[in-house]
PDB file of all heavy atoms in Angstrom:
ATOM      1  N   ASN A   1     -28.714 -44.769  70.796  1.00  0.00           N
ATOM      2  CA  ASN A   1     -27.683 -43.785  70.534  1.00  0.00           C
ATOM      3  C   ASN A   1     -27.472 -43.002  71.820  1.00  0.00           C
ATOM      4  O   ASN A   1     -28.327 -42.231  72.237  1.00  0.00           O
ATOM      5  CB  ASN A   1     -28.116 -42.858  69.403  1.00  0.00           C
ATOM      6  CG  ASN A   1     -27.060 -41.848  69.063  1.00  0.00           C
ATOM      7  OD1 ASN A   1     -25.979 -41.857  69.626  1.00  0.00           O
ATOM      8  ND2 ASN A   1     -27.362 -40.978  68.134  1.00  0.00           N
ATOM      9  N   ILE A   2     -26.323 -43.205  72.455  1.00  0.00           N
ATOM     10  CA  ILE A   2     -26.093 -42.571  73.755  1.00  0.00           C
ATOM     11  C   ILE A   2     -25.527 -41.174  73.619  1.00  0.00           C
ATOM     12  O   ILE A   2     -25.421 -40.464  74.607  1.00  0.00           O
ATOM     13  CB  ILE A   2     -25.154 -43.420  74.632  1.00  0.00           C
ATOM     14  CG1 ILE A   2     -23.788 -43.591  73.976  1.00  0.00           C
ATOM     15  CG2 ILE A   2     -25.775 -44.749  74.973  1.00  0.00           C
ATOM     16  CD1 ILE A   2     -22.749 -44.208  74.882  1.00  0.00           C
ATOM     17  N   TYR A   3     -25.155 -40.778  72.418  1.00  0.00           N
ATOM     18  CA  TYR A   3     -24.539 -39.475  72.234  1.00  0.00           C
ATOM     19  C   TYR A   3     -25.588 -38.445  71.825  1.00  0.00           C
ATOM     20  O   TYR A   3     -26.162 -38.532  70.755  1.00  0.00           O
ATOM     21  CB  TYR A   3     -23.443 -39.536  71.175  1.00  0.00           C
ATOM     22  CG  TYR A   3     -22.380 -40.561  71.484  1.00  0.00           C
ATOM     23  CD1 TYR A   3     -22.279 -41.733  70.756  1.00  0.00           C
ATOM     24  CD2 TYR A   3     -21.478 -40.354  72.525  1.00  0.00           C
ATOM     25  CE1 TYR A   3     -21.294 -42.667  71.036  1.00  0.00           C
ATOM     26  CE2 TYR A   3     -20.498 -41.283  72.818  1.00  0.00           C
ATOM     27  CZ  TYR A   3     -20.420 -42.442  72.068  1.00  0.00           C
ATOM     28  OH  TYR A   3     -19.451 -43.362  72.352  1.00  0.00           O
ATOM     29  N   THR A   4     -25.824 -37.480  72.692  1.00  0.00           N
ATOM     30  CA  THR A   4     -26.761 -36.416  72.366  1.00  0.00           C
ATOM     31  C   THR A   4     -26.055 -35.376  71.503  1.00  0.00           C
ATOM     32  O   THR A   4     -24.824 -35.365  71.405  1.00  0.00           O
ATOM     33  CB  THR A   4     -27.277 -35.722  73.646  1.00  0.00           C
ATOM     34  OG1 THR A   4     -26.166 -35.096  74.295  1.00  0.00           O
ATOM     35  CG2 THR A   4     -27.964 -36.705  74.568  1.00  0.00           C
ATOM     36  N   LYS A   5     -26.815 -34.484  70.913  1.00  0.00           N
ATOM     37  CA  LYS A   5     -26.249 -33.411  70.093  1.00  0.00           C
ATOM     38  C   LYS A   5     -25.301 -32.554  70.932  1.00  0.00           C
ATOM     39  O   LYS A   5     -24.257 -32.109  70.448  1.00  0.00           O
ATOM     40  CB  LYS A   5     -27.387 -32.569  69.498  1.00  0.00           C
ATOM     41  CG  LYS A   5     -26.910 -31.430  68.618  1.00  0.00           C
ATOM     42  CD  LYS A   5     -26.291 -31.919  67.322  1.00  0.00           C
ATOM     43  CE  LYS A   5     -26.055 -30.751  66.383  1.00  0.00           C
ATOM     44  NZ  LYS A   5     -24.668 -30.478  66.130  1.00  0.00           N
ATOM     45  N   GLU A   6     -25.630 -32.348  72.197  1.00  0.00           N
ATOM     46  CA  GLU A   6     -24.787 -31.548  73.073  1.00  0.00           C
ATOM     47  C   GLU A   6     -23.430 -32.206  73.286  1.00  0.00           C
ATOM     48  O   GLU A   6     -22.395 -31.538  73.287  1.00  0.00           O
ATOM     49  CB  GLU A   6     -25.468 -31.306  74.434  1.00  0.00           C
ATOM     50  CG  GLU A   6     -26.676 -30.409  74.371  1.00  0.00           C
ATOM     51  CD  GLU A   6     -27.966 -31.153  74.024  1.00  0.00           C
ATOM     52  OE1 GLU A   6     -27.939 -32.398  73.895  1.00  0.00           O
ATOM     53  OE2 GLU A   6     -28.995 -30.483  73.865  1.00  0.00           O
ATOM     54  N   ILE A   7     -23.427 -33.524  73.467  1.00  0.00           N
ATOM     55  CA  ILE A   7     -22.166 -34.241  73.658  1.00  0.00           C
ATOM     56  C   ILE A   7     -21.343 -34.188  72.386  1.00  0.00           C
ATOM     57  O   ILE A   7     -20.132 -33.946  72.424  1.00  0.00           O
ATOM     58  CB  ILE A   7     -22.422 -35.700  74.091  1.00  0.00           C
ATOM     59  CG1 ILE A   7     -22.972 -35.733  75.513  1.00  0.00           C
ATOM     60  CG2 ILE A   7     -21.144 -36.527  73.982  1.00  0.00           C
ATOM     61  CD1 ILE A   7     -23.328 -37.102  76.015  1.00  0.00           C
ATOM     62  N   ILE A   8     -21.974 -34.408  71.242  1.00  0.00           N
ATOM     63  CA  ILE A   8     -21.269 -34.349  69.963  1.00  0.00           C
ATOM     64  C   ILE A   8     -20.647 -32.968  69.775  1.00  0.00           C
ATOM     65  O   ILE A   8     -19.474 -32.846  69.413  1.00  0.00           O
ATOM     66  CB  ILE A   8     -22.216 -34.704  68.798  1.00  0.00           C
ATOM     67  CG1 ILE A   8     -22.642 -36.164  68.907  1.00  0.00           C
ATOM     68  CG2 ILE A   8     -21.556 -34.429  67.450  1.00  0.00           C
ATOM     69  CD1 ILE A   8     -23.765 -36.567  67.972  1.00  0.00           C
ATOM     70  N   ASP A   9     -21.422 -31.922  70.040  1.00  0.00           N
ATOM     71  CA  ASP A   9     -20.906 -30.553  69.909  1.00  0.00           C
ATOM     72  C   ASP A   9     -19.723 -30.319  70.844  1.00  0.00           C
ATOM     73  O   ASP A   9     -18.735 -29.686  70.470  1.00  0.00           O
ATOM     74  CB  ASP A   9     -22.000 -29.524  70.200  1.00  0.00           C
ATOM     75  CG  ASP A   9     -23.064 -29.480  69.119  1.00  0.00           C
ATOM     76  OD1 ASP A   9     -22.807 -29.975  67.999  1.00  0.00           O
ATOM     77  OD2 ASP A   9     -24.161 -28.962  69.396  1.00  0.00           O
ATOM     78  N   TYR A  10     -19.822 -30.830  72.059  1.00  0.00           N
ATOM     79  CA  TYR A  10     -18.749 -30.678  73.038  1.00  0.00           C
ATOM     80  C   TYR A  10     -17.471 -31.356  72.538  1.00  0.00           C
ATOM     81  O   TYR A  10     -16.388 -30.764  72.571  1.00  0.00           O
ATOM     82  CB  TYR A  10     -19.185 -31.270  74.384  1.00  0.00           C
ATOM     83  CG  TYR A  10     -18.079 -31.336  75.412  1.00  0.00           C
ATOM     84  CD1 TYR A  10     -17.654 -30.194  76.072  1.00  0.00           C
ATOM     85  CD2 TYR A  10     -17.461 -32.552  75.715  1.00  0.00           C
ATOM     86  CE1 TYR A  10     -16.635 -30.251  77.013  1.00  0.00           C
ATOM     87  CE2 TYR A  10     -16.442 -32.614  76.649  1.00  0.00           C
ATOM     88  CZ  TYR A  10     -16.037 -31.467  77.291  1.00  0.00           C
ATOM     89  OH  TYR A  10     -15.035 -31.525  78.221  1.00  0.00           O
ATOM     90  N   ILE A  11     -17.586 -32.575  72.064  1.00  0.00           N
ATOM     91  CA  ILE A  11     -16.429 -33.331  71.570  1.00  0.00           C
ATOM     92  C   ILE A  11     -15.809 -32.629  70.369  1.00  0.00           C
ATOM     93  O   ILE A  11     -14.585 -32.454  70.287  1.00  0.00           O
ATOM     94  CB  ILE A  11     -16.836 -34.774  71.207  1.00  0.00           C
ATOM     95  CG1 ILE A  11     -17.313 -35.550  72.435  1.00  0.00           C
ATOM     96  CG2 ILE A  11     -15.710 -35.504  70.486  1.00  0.00           C
ATOM     97  CD1 ILE A  11     -16.267 -35.806  73.486  1.00  0.00           C
ATOM     98  N   LEU A  12     -16.654 -32.207  69.424  1.00  0.00           N
ATOM     99  CA  LEU A  12     -16.131 -31.538  68.235  1.00  0.00           C
ATOM    100  C   LEU A  12     -15.470 -30.207  68.592  1.00  0.00           C
ATOM    101  O   LEU A  12     -14.468 -29.831  67.984  1.00  0.00           O
ATOM    102  CB  LEU A  12     -17.239 -31.328  67.203  1.00  0.00           C
ATOM    103  CG  LEU A  12     -17.805 -32.616  66.588  1.00  0.00           C
ATOM    104  CD1 LEU A  12     -18.924 -32.293  65.610  1.00  0.00           C
ATOM    105  CD2 LEU A  12     -16.723 -33.433  65.917  1.00  0.00           C
ATOM    106  N   ASP A  13     -16.011 -29.518  69.590  1.00  0.00           N
ATOM    107  CA  ASP A  13     -15.416 -28.259  70.030  1.00  0.00           C
ATOM    108  C   ASP A  13     -14.020 -28.495  70.618  1.00  0.00           C
ATOM    109  O   ASP A  13     -13.114 -27.696  70.401  1.00  0.00           O
ATOM    110  CB  ASP A  13     -16.324 -27.574  71.058  1.00  0.00           C
ATOM    111  CG  ASP A  13     -15.840 -26.180  71.414  1.00  0.00           C
ATOM    112  OD1 ASP A  13     -15.664 -25.370  70.480  1.00  0.00           O
ATOM    113  OD2 ASP A  13     -15.635 -25.915  72.619  1.00  0.00           O
ATOM    114  N   LEU A  14     -13.862 -29.581  71.357  1.00  0.00           N
ATOM    115  CA  LEU A  14     -12.541 -29.912  71.904  1.00  0.00           C
ATOM    116  C   LEU A  14     -11.515 -30.076  70.788  1.00  0.00           C
ATOM    117  O   LEU A  14     -10.379 -29.620  70.901  1.00  0.00           O
ATOM    118  CB  LEU A  14     -12.607 -31.211  72.717  1.00  0.00           C
ATOM    119  CG  LEU A  14     -13.330 -31.178  74.053  1.00  0.00           C
ATOM    120  CD1 LEU A  14     -13.393 -32.580  74.649  1.00  0.00           C
ATOM    121  CD2 LEU A  14     -12.658 -30.228  75.017  1.00  0.00           C
ATOM    122  N   ILE A  15     -11.932 -30.710  69.704  1.00  0.00           N
ATOM    123  CA  ILE A  15     -11.022 -30.941  68.579  1.00  0.00           C
ATOM    124  C   ILE A  15     -10.775 -29.641  67.821  1.00  0.00           C
ATOM    125  O   ILE A  15      -9.636 -29.309  67.488  1.00  0.00           O
ATOM    126  CB  ILE A  15     -11.596 -32.038  67.647  1.00  0.00           C
ATOM    127  CG1 ILE A  15     -11.629 -33.383  68.387  1.00  0.00           C
ATOM    128  CG2 ILE A  15     -10.782 -32.144  66.365  1.00  0.00           C
ATOM    129  CD1 ILE A  15     -12.396 -34.468  67.677  1.00  0.00           C
ATOM    130  N   GLN A  16     -11.838 -28.884  67.555  1.00  0.00           N
ATOM    131  CA  GLN A  16     -11.714 -27.657  66.767  1.00  0.00           C
ATOM    132  C   GLN A  16     -10.858 -26.597  67.467  1.00  0.00           C
ATOM    133  O   GLN A  16     -10.127 -25.866  66.819  1.00  0.00           O
ATOM    134  CB  GLN A  16     -13.100 -27.083  66.466  1.00  0.00           C
ATOM    135  CG  GLN A  16     -13.874 -27.923  65.486  1.00  0.00           C
ATOM    136  CD  GLN A  16     -15.338 -27.522  65.388  1.00  0.00           C
ATOM    137  OE1 GLN A  16     -15.834 -26.756  66.207  1.00  0.00           O
ATOM    138  NE2 GLN A  16     -16.019 -28.046  64.392  1.00  0.00           N
ATOM    139  N   THR A  17     -10.956 -26.531  68.780  1.00  0.00           N
ATOM    140  CA  THR A  17     -10.169 -25.535  69.517  1.00  0.00           C
ATOM    141  C   THR A  17      -8.747 -26.003  69.774  1.00  0.00           C
ATOM    142  O   THR A  17      -7.932 -25.242  70.280  1.00  0.00           O
ATOM    143  CB  THR A  17     -10.835 -25.195  70.865  1.00  0.00           C
ATOM    144  OG1 THR A  17     -10.926 -26.394  71.651  1.00  0.00           O
ATOM    145  CG2 THR A  17     -12.200 -24.566  70.674  1.00  0.00           C
ATOM    146  N   GLY A  18      -8.461 -27.251  69.452  1.00  0.00           N
ATOM    147  CA  GLY A  18      -7.124 -27.789  69.656  1.00  0.00           C
ATOM    148  C   GLY A  18      -6.859 -28.230  71.078  1.00  0.00           C
ATOM    149  O   GLY A  18      -5.729 -28.574  71.432  1.00  0.00           O
ATOM    150  N   GLU A  19      -7.912 -28.231  71.906  1.00  0.00           N
ATOM    151  CA  GLU A  19      -7.742 -28.646  73.294  1.00  0.00           C
ATOM    152  C   GLU A  19      -7.371 -30.131  73.379  1.00  0.00           C
ATOM    153  O   GLU A  19      -6.631 -30.541  74.260  1.00  0.00           O
ATOM    154  CB  GLU A  19      -9.035 -28.375  74.071  1.00  0.00           C
ATOM    155  CG  GLU A  19      -8.895 -28.482  75.557  1.00  0.00           C
ATOM    156  CD  GLU A  19     -10.131 -28.020  76.298  1.00  0.00           C
ATOM    157  OE1 GLU A  19     -10.835 -27.110  75.808  1.00  0.00           O
ATOM    158  OE2 GLU A  19     -10.391 -28.579  77.370  1.00  0.00           O
ATOM    159  N   LYS A  20      -7.925 -30.924  72.463  1.00  0.00           N
ATOM    160  CA  LYS A  20      -7.607 -32.353  72.403  1.00  0.00           C
ATOM    161  C   LYS A  20      -7.477 -32.756  70.941  1.00  0.00           C
ATOM    162  O   LYS A  20      -8.118 -32.189  70.058  1.00  0.00           O
ATOM    163  CB  LYS A  20      -8.707 -33.191  73.061  1.00  0.00           C
ATOM    164  CG  LYS A  20      -8.826 -32.964  74.554  1.00  0.00           C
ATOM    165  CD  LYS A  20      -9.667 -34.035  75.186  1.00  0.00           C
ATOM    166  CE  LYS A  20      -9.892 -33.783  76.655  1.00  0.00           C
ATOM    167  NZ  LYS A  20      -8.742 -33.980  77.482  1.00  0.00           N
ATOM    168  N   THR A  21      -6.660 -33.773  70.714  1.00  0.00           N
ATOM    169  CA  THR A  21      -6.538 -34.325  69.364  1.00  0.00           C
ATOM    170  C   THR A  21      -7.616 -35.380  69.170  1.00  0.00           C
ATOM    171  O   THR A  21      -8.254 -35.823  70.134  1.00  0.00           O
ATOM    172  CB  THR A  21      -5.157 -34.977  69.160  1.00  0.00           C
ATOM    173  OG1 THR A  21      -5.059 -36.114  70.046  1.00  0.00           O
ATOM    174  CG2 THR A  21      -4.028 -33.997  69.423  1.00  0.00           C
ATOM    175  N   LYS A  22      -7.801 -35.789  67.932  1.00  0.00           N
ATOM    176  CA  LYS A  22      -8.785 -36.840  67.653  1.00  0.00           C
ATOM    177  C   LYS A  22      -8.430 -38.105  68.415  1.00  0.00           C
ATOM    178  O   LYS A  22      -9.309 -38.760  68.990  1.00  0.00           O
ATOM    179  CB  LYS A  22      -8.845 -37.116  66.146  1.00  0.00           C
ATOM    180  CG  LYS A  22      -9.370 -35.953  65.352  1.00  0.00           C
ATOM    181  CD  LYS A  22      -9.215 -36.205  63.874  1.00  0.00           C
ATOM    182  CE  LYS A  22      -9.500 -34.924  63.092  1.00  0.00           C
ATOM    183  NZ  LYS A  22      -9.146 -35.046  61.688  1.00  0.00           N
ATOM    184  N   LYS A  23      -7.151 -38.424  68.445  1.00  0.00           N
ATOM    185  CA  LYS A  23      -6.701 -39.633  69.139  1.00  0.00           C
ATOM    186  C   LYS A  23      -6.990 -39.542  70.635  1.00  0.00           C
ATOM    187  O   LYS A  23      -7.458 -40.504  71.250  1.00  0.00           O
ATOM    188  CB  LYS A  23      -5.210 -39.856  68.902  1.00  0.00           C
ATOM    189  CG  LYS A  23      -4.704 -41.138  69.489  1.00  0.00           C
ATOM    190  CD  LYS A  23      -3.244 -41.377  69.160  1.00  0.00           C
ATOM    191  CE  LYS A  23      -2.794 -42.686  69.784  1.00  0.00           C
ATOM    192  NZ  LYS A  23      -1.422 -42.991  69.508  1.00  0.00           N
ATOM    193  N   GLN A  24      -6.731 -38.372  71.232  1.00  0.00           N
ATOM    194  CA  GLN A  24      -7.006 -38.190  72.657  1.00  0.00           C
ATOM    195  C   GLN A  24      -8.497 -38.356  72.951  1.00  0.00           C
ATOM    196  O   GLN A  24      -8.867 -38.978  73.951  1.00  0.00           O
ATOM    197  CB  GLN A  24      -6.549 -36.804  73.112  1.00  0.00           C
ATOM    198  CG  GLN A  24      -5.061 -36.639  73.208  1.00  0.00           C
ATOM    199  CD  GLN A  24      -4.672 -35.199  73.504  1.00  0.00           C
ATOM    200  OE1 GLN A  24      -5.239 -34.259  72.955  1.00  0.00           O
ATOM    201  NE2 GLN A  24      -3.670 -35.024  74.366  1.00  0.00           N
ATOM    202  N   VAL A  25      -9.336 -37.806  72.092  1.00  0.00           N
ATOM    203  CA  VAL A  25     -10.791 -37.916  72.280  1.00  0.00           C
ATOM    204  C   VAL A  25     -11.214 -39.372  72.221  1.00  0.00           C
ATOM    205  O   VAL A  25     -11.986 -39.848  73.059  1.00  0.00           O
ATOM    206  CB  VAL A  25     -11.541 -37.065  71.223  1.00  0.00           C
ATOM    207  CG1 VAL A  25     -13.001 -37.427  71.176  1.00  0.00           C
ATOM    208  CG2 VAL A  25     -11.369 -35.583  71.522  1.00  0.00           C
ATOM    209  N   MET A  26     -10.701 -40.103  71.229  1.00  0.00           N
ATOM    210  CA  MET A  26     -11.079 -41.516  71.086  1.00  0.00           C
ATOM    211  C   MET A  26     -10.635 -42.331  72.303  1.00  0.00           C
ATOM    212  O   MET A  26     -11.386 -43.186  72.783  1.00  0.00           O
ATOM    213  CB  MET A  26     -10.473 -42.101  69.808  1.00  0.00           C
ATOM    214  CG  MET A  26     -11.128 -41.573  68.550  1.00  0.00           C
ATOM    215  SD  MET A  26     -10.507 -42.337  67.041  1.00  0.00           S
ATOM    216  CE  MET A  26      -8.923 -41.513  66.862  1.00  0.00           C
ATOM    217  N   GLU A  27      -9.449 -42.048  72.819  1.00  0.00           N
ATOM    218  CA  GLU A  27      -8.942 -42.806  73.963  1.00  0.00           C
ATOM    219  C   GLU A  27      -9.642 -42.418  75.263  1.00  0.00           C
ATOM    220  O   GLU A  27     -10.045 -43.270  76.038  1.00  0.00           O
ATOM    221  CB  GLU A  27      -7.437 -42.595  74.098  1.00  0.00           C
ATOM    222  CG  GLU A  27      -6.641 -43.264  73.006  1.00  0.00           C
ATOM    223  CD  GLU A  27      -5.160 -42.917  73.035  1.00  0.00           C
ATOM    224  OE1 GLU A  27      -4.742 -42.097  73.900  1.00  0.00           O
ATOM    225  OE2 GLU A  27      -4.425 -43.451  72.190  1.00  0.00           O
ATOM    226  N   GLU A  28      -9.779 -41.115  75.493  1.00  0.00           N
ATOM    227  CA  GLU A  28     -10.331 -40.648  76.770  1.00  0.00           C
ATOM    228  C   GLU A  28     -11.816 -40.942  76.917  1.00  0.00           C
ATOM    229  O   GLU A  28     -12.279 -41.324  77.985  1.00  0.00           O
ATOM    230  CB  GLU A  28     -10.080 -39.148  76.923  1.00  0.00           C
ATOM    231  CG  GLU A  28     -10.465 -38.617  78.289  1.00  0.00           C
ATOM    232  CD  GLU A  28     -10.059 -37.168  78.486  1.00  0.00           C
ATOM    233  OE1 GLU A  28      -9.106 -36.703  77.819  1.00  0.00           O
ATOM    234  OE2 GLU A  28     -10.708 -36.498  79.302  1.00  0.00           O
ATOM    235  N   TYR A  29     -12.584 -40.751  75.843  1.00  0.00           N
ATOM    236  CA  TYR A  29     -14.035 -40.922  75.930  1.00  0.00           C
ATOM    237  C   TYR A  29     -14.516 -42.229  75.325  1.00  0.00           C
ATOM    238  O   TYR A  29     -15.721 -42.479  75.262  1.00  0.00           O
ATOM    239  CB  TYR A  29     -14.740 -39.738  75.254  1.00  0.00           C
ATOM    240  CG  TYR A  29     -14.417 -38.418  75.915  1.00  0.00           C
ATOM    241  CD1 TYR A  29     -13.704 -37.436  75.241  1.00  0.00           C
ATOM    242  CD2 TYR A  29     -14.804 -38.157  77.220  1.00  0.00           C
ATOM    243  CE1 TYR A  29     -13.403 -36.230  75.845  1.00  0.00           C
ATOM    244  CE2 TYR A  29     -14.506 -36.962  77.831  1.00  0.00           C
ATOM    245  CZ  TYR A  29     -13.805 -36.002  77.136  1.00  0.00           C
ATOM    246  OH  TYR A  29     -13.496 -34.804  77.735  1.00  0.00           O
ATOM    247  N   LYS A  30     -13.590 -43.068  74.853  1.00  0.00           N
ATOM    248  CA  LYS A  30     -13.922 -44.384  74.294  1.00  0.00           C
ATOM    249  C   LYS A  30     -14.905 -44.274  73.133  1.00  0.00           C
ATOM    250  O   LYS A  30     -15.862 -45.034  73.028  1.00  0.00           O
ATOM    251  CB  LYS A  30     -14.487 -45.314  75.376  1.00  0.00           C
ATOM    252  CG  LYS A  30     -13.611 -45.455  76.608  1.00  0.00           C
ATOM    253  CD  LYS A  30     -12.326 -46.151  76.284  1.00  0.00           C
ATOM    254  CE  LYS A  30     -11.523 -46.413  77.544  1.00  0.00           C
ATOM    255  NZ  LYS A  30     -10.271 -45.712  77.595  1.00  0.00           N
ATOM    256  N   ILE A  31     -14.667 -43.298  72.284  1.00  0.00           N
ATOM    257  CA  ILE A  31     -15.511 -43.109  71.112  1.00  0.00           C
ATOM    258  C   ILE A  31     -14.846 -43.823  69.943  1.00  0.00           C
ATOM    259  O   ILE A  31     -13.666 -43.591  69.665  1.00  0.00           O
ATOM    260  CB  ILE A  31     -15.696 -41.612  70.800  1.00  0.00           C
ATOM    261  CG1 ILE A  31     -16.450 -40.952  71.953  1.00  0.00           C
ATOM    262  CG2 ILE A  31     -16.442 -41.404  69.485  1.00  0.00           C
ATOM    263  CD1 ILE A  31     -16.562 -39.465  71.851  1.00  0.00           C
TER     264      ILE A  31
END
């Protein structure tokens, strides 16, 4: 599992704050 809790929190924060959409996160970070 390459995703640490810190990375998960960072990604979710991007979505929650509206900085990035779910689609943008999936494309940019290949999640």
